[in-house]
Amino acid sequence: MTESSGYTPPRVWKWEKENGGKFANINRPVAGPTHERELPVGRHPLQLYSQGTPNGNKVTILLEELLALGHSGAEYDAWLIRITEGEQFSTGFVAVNPNSKIPAMVDRSGERPIRIFESGAILVYLAEKFGAFLPTEPAARAECLSWLFWQVGSAPYLGGGFGHFYVYAPEKIEYAIDRFTMEVKRQLDVLNRRLAETEYLAGDTYTIADIATWPWYGELVLGNLYEDAHIFLNVQEYPNVRRWAERIAAREAVKRGRMVNRTTGDPATQLHERHDASDFDKVGK
């Protein structure tokens, strides 16, 4: 089916109006800060500035997994950055992440603070720092990093593509929804075929490839990402992805990690900020 919006792109695009949709108030074609504000600093070596979106969940899940393994140096303060209110455009946040996206982290365990931004980079940094969830054998490491970067490259089609046009766009555009639905189903098929061969994405071992992918595709097939999207996408066609998603969802560290910096859903699943393990005892109270 061919649709015509009556719109002809200009020779040179100019930003003359907000584009509508849920995030119109924070979308703009320039970078840099919009206001002065320093970031808070807690008592732990790792300072995380984030919100409980799928990309934010990647890091908090890994941190909780590291703590569960006994890595006390992975203790962290998780500060809430409310992205719909533009808090990621403060001078302090932009100094940590020039791209103004969550999550962003500062490691203060050494002589000088180290900033790390982009969720995939943070996962690799932490895995290497603590020697966990990233294989060291060359072939296994390559497999893990390949799936990690698959997720980094694929998720924008799920979030900014399918999620935006299916949920957030001010009008439903058939071509856009069809285009990104097709791609997301292809991605789910990629995962389903891989997980027919192996327990986890990189093989028989749970790694940062799974930790990166689960908050997007695992939550999707479990019905927790975009209202009714799992029905629309007919996710029952991907039983291996479902098996993998359920197995990871049952991990205690994953249950804790997905609560951190969460501001939506059941209040019993929301821990707006995390500064100590005992904070989880306060959830829902």
Protein backbone atom coordinates (compact mmCIF):
# COMPACT_ATOMS: atom_id res chain seq x y z
CA MET A 1 0.00 0.00 0.00
CA THR A 2 1.33 3.42 -0.96
CA GLU A 3 0.74 6.35 1.37
CA SER A 4 1.23 10.02 0.59
CA SER A 5 1.51 12.60 3.36
CA GLY A 6 1.63 15.52 0.97
CA TYR A 7 5.02 16.43 2.43
CA THR A 8 7.95 17.39 0.21
CA PRO A 9 11.30 17.72 2.01
CA PRO A 10 12.89 21.16 1.62
CA ARG A 11 16.25 21.52 -0.08
CA VAL A 12 17.81 22.48 3.28
CA TRP A 13 16.12 21.32 6.49
CA LYS A 14 15.55 23.86 9.27
CA TRP A 15 14.29 23.28 12.78
CA GLU A 16 11.24 25.51 12.92
CA LYS A 17 8.88 23.60 15.20
CA GLU A 18 8.73 20.79 17.72
CA ASN A 19 8.11 17.46 16.03
CA GLY A 20 5.36 16.31 18.37
CA GLY A 21 5.24 13.09 20.32
CA LYS A 22 6.11 12.26 23.90
CA PHE A 23 9.70 13.46 23.72
CA ALA A 24 9.17 16.64 21.70
CA ASN A 25 10.13 18.86 24.64
CA ILE A 26 13.67 17.44 24.80
CA ASN A 27 14.40 16.80 21.12
CA ARG A 28 16.64 19.36 19.46
CA PRO A 29 19.19 19.35 16.61
CA VAL A 30 22.13 20.65 18.68
CA ALA A 31 24.27 19.21 21.48
CA GLY A 32 25.63 20.75 24.67
CA PRO A 33 24.12 21.74 28.02
CA THR A 34 20.93 23.74 28.52
CA HIS A 35 21.40 24.58 32.18
CA GLU A 36 23.95 24.69 34.99
CA ARG A 37 23.89 21.85 37.48
CA GLU A 38 26.61 19.75 39.04
CA LEU A 39 26.12 16.02 39.46
CA PRO A 40 25.90 14.62 43.00
CA VAL A 41 28.64 12.31 44.25
CA GLY A 42 28.05 9.54 46.77
CA ARG A 43 30.39 7.47 48.91
CA HIS A 44 31.01 4.50 46.63
CA PRO A 45 33.75 4.06 44.00
CA LEU A 46 31.26 3.89 41.12
CA GLN A 47 28.84 6.72 40.45
CA LEU A 48 26.04 5.93 38.01
CA TYR A 49 23.77 8.58 36.49
CA SER A 50 20.85 6.91 34.79
CA GLN A 51 17.19 6.05 34.51
CA GLY A 52 15.62 2.59 34.52
CA THR A 53 15.16 2.25 30.78
CA PRO A 54 16.45 -0.85 28.98
CA ASN A 55 19.80 0.83 28.41
CA GLY A 56 20.00 1.87 32.04
CA ASN A 57 19.01 -1.62 33.21
CA LYS A 58 22.01 -3.12 31.43
CA VAL A 59 24.43 -1.42 33.80
CA THR A 60 22.52 -1.87 37.06
CA ILE A 61 21.99 -5.57 36.30
CA LEU A 62 25.72 -6.05 35.70
CA LEU A 63 26.59 -4.18 38.88
CA GLU A 64 24.21 -6.32 40.92
CA GLU A 65 25.61 -9.46 39.29
CA LEU A 66 29.15 -8.37 40.19
CA LEU A 67 28.14 -7.71 43.79
CA ALA A 68 26.44 -11.12 43.93
CA LEU A 69 29.79 -12.66 42.94
CA GLY A 70 31.46 -10.92 45.88
CA HIS A 71 33.13 -8.01 44.06
CA SER A 72 32.83 -5.39 46.81
CA GLY A 73 34.53 -2.82 44.60
CA ALA A 74 31.40 -2.82 42.43
CA GLU A 75 29.41 -1.00 45.12
CA TYR A 76 27.76 1.97 43.52
CA ASP A 77 25.54 5.00 43.89
CA ALA A 78 22.81 5.16 41.27
CA TRP A 79 21.48 8.70 40.82
CA LEU A 80 18.23 9.21 38.94
CA ILE A 81 18.40 11.32 35.78
CA ARG A 82 14.86 12.09 34.63
CA ILE A 83 15.32 12.19 30.88
CA THR A 84 11.81 13.43 30.06
CA GLU A 85 12.59 16.50 32.17
CA GLY A 86 15.87 17.16 30.37
CA GLU A 87 18.17 16.48 33.33
CA GLN A 88 20.66 14.85 30.94
CA PHE A 89 21.37 18.31 29.50
CA SER A 90 22.91 19.73 32.68
CA THR A 91 26.52 20.94 32.58
CA GLY A 92 27.50 18.19 34.99
CA PHE A 93 25.93 15.40 32.96
CA VAL A 94 27.27 16.67 29.63
CA ALA A 95 30.76 16.73 31.16
CA VAL A 96 30.40 12.97 31.78
CA ASN A 97 28.58 12.18 28.53
CA PRO A 98 28.86 14.74 25.70
CA ASN A 99 26.09 12.81 23.92
CA SER A 100 23.57 13.57 26.73
CA LYS A 101 22.22 10.02 26.92
CA ILE A 102 21.83 7.73 29.90
CA PRO A 103 23.54 5.77 31.32
CA ALA A 104 26.78 7.50 32.22
CA MET A 105 29.28 6.51 34.90
CA VAL A 106 32.28 7.88 36.75
CA ASP A 107 34.78 5.49 38.32
CA ARG A 108 36.38 7.26 41.29
CA SER A 109 38.33 4.28 42.59
CA GLY A 110 41.68 5.46 41.22
CA GLU A 111 43.85 8.55 41.45
CA ARG A 112 41.78 10.36 38.85
CA PRO A 113 38.09 9.94 38.00
CA ILE A 114 37.39 8.03 34.79
CA ARG A 115 34.24 8.78 32.83
CA ILE A 116 32.53 6.07 30.81
CA PHE A 117 29.50 6.61 28.61
CA GLU A 118 27.41 4.48 26.24
CA SER A 119 25.94 1.35 27.81
CA GLY A 120 28.01 -1.12 25.79
CA ALA A 121 31.24 0.64 26.72
CA ILE A 122 30.27 0.64 30.40
CA LEU A 123 29.58 -3.11 30.30
CA VAL A 124 32.97 -3.86 28.73
CA TYR A 125 34.74 -1.53 31.16
CA LEU A 126 33.17 -3.14 34.23
CA ALA A 127 33.61 -6.70 32.94
CA GLU A 128 37.31 -6.07 32.33
CA LYS A 129 37.77 -4.20 35.60
CA PHE A 130 36.40 -7.08 37.65
CA GLY A 131 37.31 -9.99 35.36
CA ALA A 132 33.78 -11.33 35.10
CA PHE A 133 31.08 -11.95 32.47
CA LEU A 134 33.50 -11.44 29.57
CA PRO A 135 35.48 -14.52 28.50
CA THR A 136 39.23 -14.22 28.12
CA GLU A 137 39.75 -17.14 25.71
CA PRO A 138 40.03 -15.45 22.28
CA ALA A 139 37.27 -17.31 20.43
CA ALA A 140 34.81 -17.05 23.33
CA ARG A 141 35.66 -13.37 23.84
CA ALA A 142 35.11 -12.65 20.15
CA GLU A 143 31.73 -14.41 20.23
CA CYS A 144 30.65 -12.44 23.30
CA LEU A 145 31.72 -9.09 21.86
CA SER A 146 30.10 -9.89 18.53
CA TRP A 147 26.72 -10.43 20.20
CA LEU A 148 27.23 -7.39 22.42
CA PHE A 149 27.81 -5.18 19.40
CA TRP A 150 24.92 -6.89 17.60
CA GLN A 151 22.70 -5.63 20.39
CA VAL A 152 24.19 -2.14 20.33
CA GLY A 153 23.56 -1.90 16.58
CA SER A 154 20.16 -3.60 16.57
CA ALA A 155 18.31 -2.07 19.52
CA PRO A 156 17.80 1.37 17.91
CA TYR A 157 15.54 -0.34 15.37
CA LEU A 158 13.52 -1.75 18.26
CA GLY A 159 13.47 1.40 20.40
CA GLY A 160 13.82 4.47 18.20
CA GLY A 161 12.22 2.68 15.25
CA PHE A 162 9.48 0.24 16.24
CA GLY A 163 8.87 1.62 19.73
CA HIS A 164 8.69 5.20 18.58
CA PHE A 165 6.30 4.69 15.69
CA TYR A 166 4.20 2.00 17.41
CA VAL A 167 3.81 3.85 20.74
CA TYR A 168 5.10 7.42 20.84
CA ALA A 169 4.65 9.02 17.41
CA PRO A 170 1.83 11.59 17.31
CA GLU A 171 0.27 9.75 14.37
CA LYS A 172 0.32 6.13 13.26
CA ILE A 173 2.18 5.77 9.98
CA GLU A 174 1.58 2.39 8.35
CA TYR A 175 4.78 2.39 6.31
CA ALA A 176 6.97 3.20 9.34
CA ILE A 177 5.30 0.63 11.61
CA ASP A 178 5.46 -2.07 8.94
CA ARG A 179 9.10 -1.29 8.19
CA PHE A 180 10.30 -1.51 11.78
CA THR A 181 8.01 -4.40 12.72
CA MET A 182 9.56 -6.42 9.92
CA GLU A 183 13.05 -5.62 11.17
CA VAL A 184 12.28 -6.40 14.82
CA LYS A 185 10.77 -9.75 13.87
CA ARG A 186 13.88 -10.49 11.80
CA GLN A 187 16.03 -9.68 14.84
CA LEU A 188 13.92 -11.95 17.05
CA ASP A 189 14.40 -14.70 14.49
CA VAL A 190 18.17 -14.14 14.62
CA LEU A 191 18.06 -14.58 18.39
CA ASN A 192 15.71 -17.56 18.23
CA ARG A 193 17.97 -19.41 15.80
CA ARG A 194 21.06 -18.68 17.88
CA LEU A 195 19.38 -19.75 21.13
CA ALA A 196 18.30 -23.02 19.51
CA GLU A 197 22.02 -23.85 19.42
CA THR A 198 23.26 -22.50 22.76
CA GLU A 199 22.10 -21.79 26.30
CA TYR A 200 23.16 -18.16 26.15
CA LEU A 201 24.10 -15.82 23.33
CA ALA A 202 27.85 -16.30 23.54
CA GLY A 203 27.63 -20.03 24.28
CA ASP A 204 27.06 -22.00 27.46
CA THR A 205 28.06 -19.12 29.75
CA TYR A 206 26.05 -16.08 30.83
CA THR A 207 27.92 -12.94 29.74
CA ILE A 208 27.56 -9.23 29.15
CA ALA A 209 26.06 -10.12 25.76
CA ASP A 210 23.02 -11.52 27.59
CA ILE A 211 23.01 -8.68 30.11
CA ALA A 212 22.92 -6.13 27.27
CA THR A 213 20.29 -7.93 25.21
CA TRP A 214 17.82 -9.05 27.88
CA PRO A 215 16.46 -5.62 28.92
CA TRP A 216 15.38 -5.04 25.32
CA TYR A 217 14.50 -8.35 23.71
CA GLY A 218 13.93 -10.39 26.86
CA GLU A 219 11.56 -7.84 28.31
CA LEU A 220 9.86 -7.60 24.91
CA VAL A 221 8.98 -11.29 24.68
CA LEU A 222 7.92 -11.31 28.34
CA GLY A 223 5.38 -8.58 27.61
CA ASN A 224 7.14 -5.85 29.60
CA LEU A 225 8.27 -3.56 26.78
CA TYR A 226 5.72 -1.39 24.97
CA GLU A 227 2.12 -2.14 25.82
CA ASP A 228 0.74 -5.13 23.85
CA ALA A 229 3.81 -5.16 21.59
CA HIS A 230 4.39 -8.83 22.40
CA ILE A 231 0.92 -9.59 21.04
CA PHE A 232 1.36 -7.40 17.98
CA LEU A 233 4.71 -9.04 17.21
CA ASN A 234 3.35 -12.56 17.89
CA VAL A 235 6.36 -13.37 20.07
CA GLN A 236 5.16 -16.94 20.63
CA GLU A 237 6.92 -17.66 17.33
CA TYR A 238 10.24 -17.37 19.21
CA PRO A 239 10.19 -20.06 21.94
CA ASN A 240 13.96 -20.17 22.36
CA VAL A 241 14.06 -16.46 23.08
CA ARG A 242 11.25 -16.91 25.61
CA ARG A 243 13.12 -19.73 27.37
CA TRP A 244 16.28 -17.63 27.55
CA ALA A 245 14.34 -14.56 28.74
CA GLU A 246 12.59 -16.46 31.53
CA ARG A 247 15.84 -18.01 32.73
CA ILE A 248 17.55 -14.64 33.01
CA ALA A 249 14.49 -12.97 34.58
CA ALA A 250 14.66 -15.51 37.42
CA ARG A 251 18.15 -14.39 38.49
CA GLU A 252 18.08 -12.47 41.77
CA ALA A 253 20.62 -9.91 40.56
CA VAL A 254 18.49 -9.23 37.49
CA LYS A 255 15.41 -8.71 39.66
CA ARG A 256 17.32 -6.15 41.71
CA GLY A 257 19.05 -4.47 38.80
CA ARG A 258 15.84 -3.82 36.86
CA MET A 259 14.39 -1.97 39.87
CA VAL A 260 17.16 0.62 40.08
CA ASN A 261 16.31 4.10 38.76
CA ARG A 262 12.94 2.77 37.56
CA THR A 263 10.16 5.38 37.54
CA THR A 264 7.36 3.52 35.74
CA GLY A 265 5.17 0.50 36.37
CA ASP A 266 4.27 -1.09 39.67
CA PRO A 267 5.67 0.98 42.60
CA ALA A 268 6.84 -2.33 44.10
CA THR A 269 9.35 -2.55 41.22
CA GLN A 270 10.72 1.00 41.56
CA LEU A 271 13.86 2.02 43.42
CA HIS A 272 14.43 5.57 42.24
CA GLU A 273 17.95 5.79 43.66
CA ARG A 274 20.26 3.14 45.04
CA HIS A 275 23.04 4.01 47.48
CA ASP A 276 23.21 0.82 49.54
CA ALA A 277 22.07 -2.79 49.21
CA SER A 278 19.63 -2.17 52.06
CA ASP A 279 17.74 0.27 49.83
CA PHE A 280 16.02 -2.68 48.18
CA ASP A 281 14.29 -3.42 51.48
CA LYS A 282 12.46 -0.10 51.13
CA VAL A 283 10.94 -0.81 47.71
CA GLY A 284 7.16 -0.60 47.76
CA LYS A 285 7.09 0.71 51.35
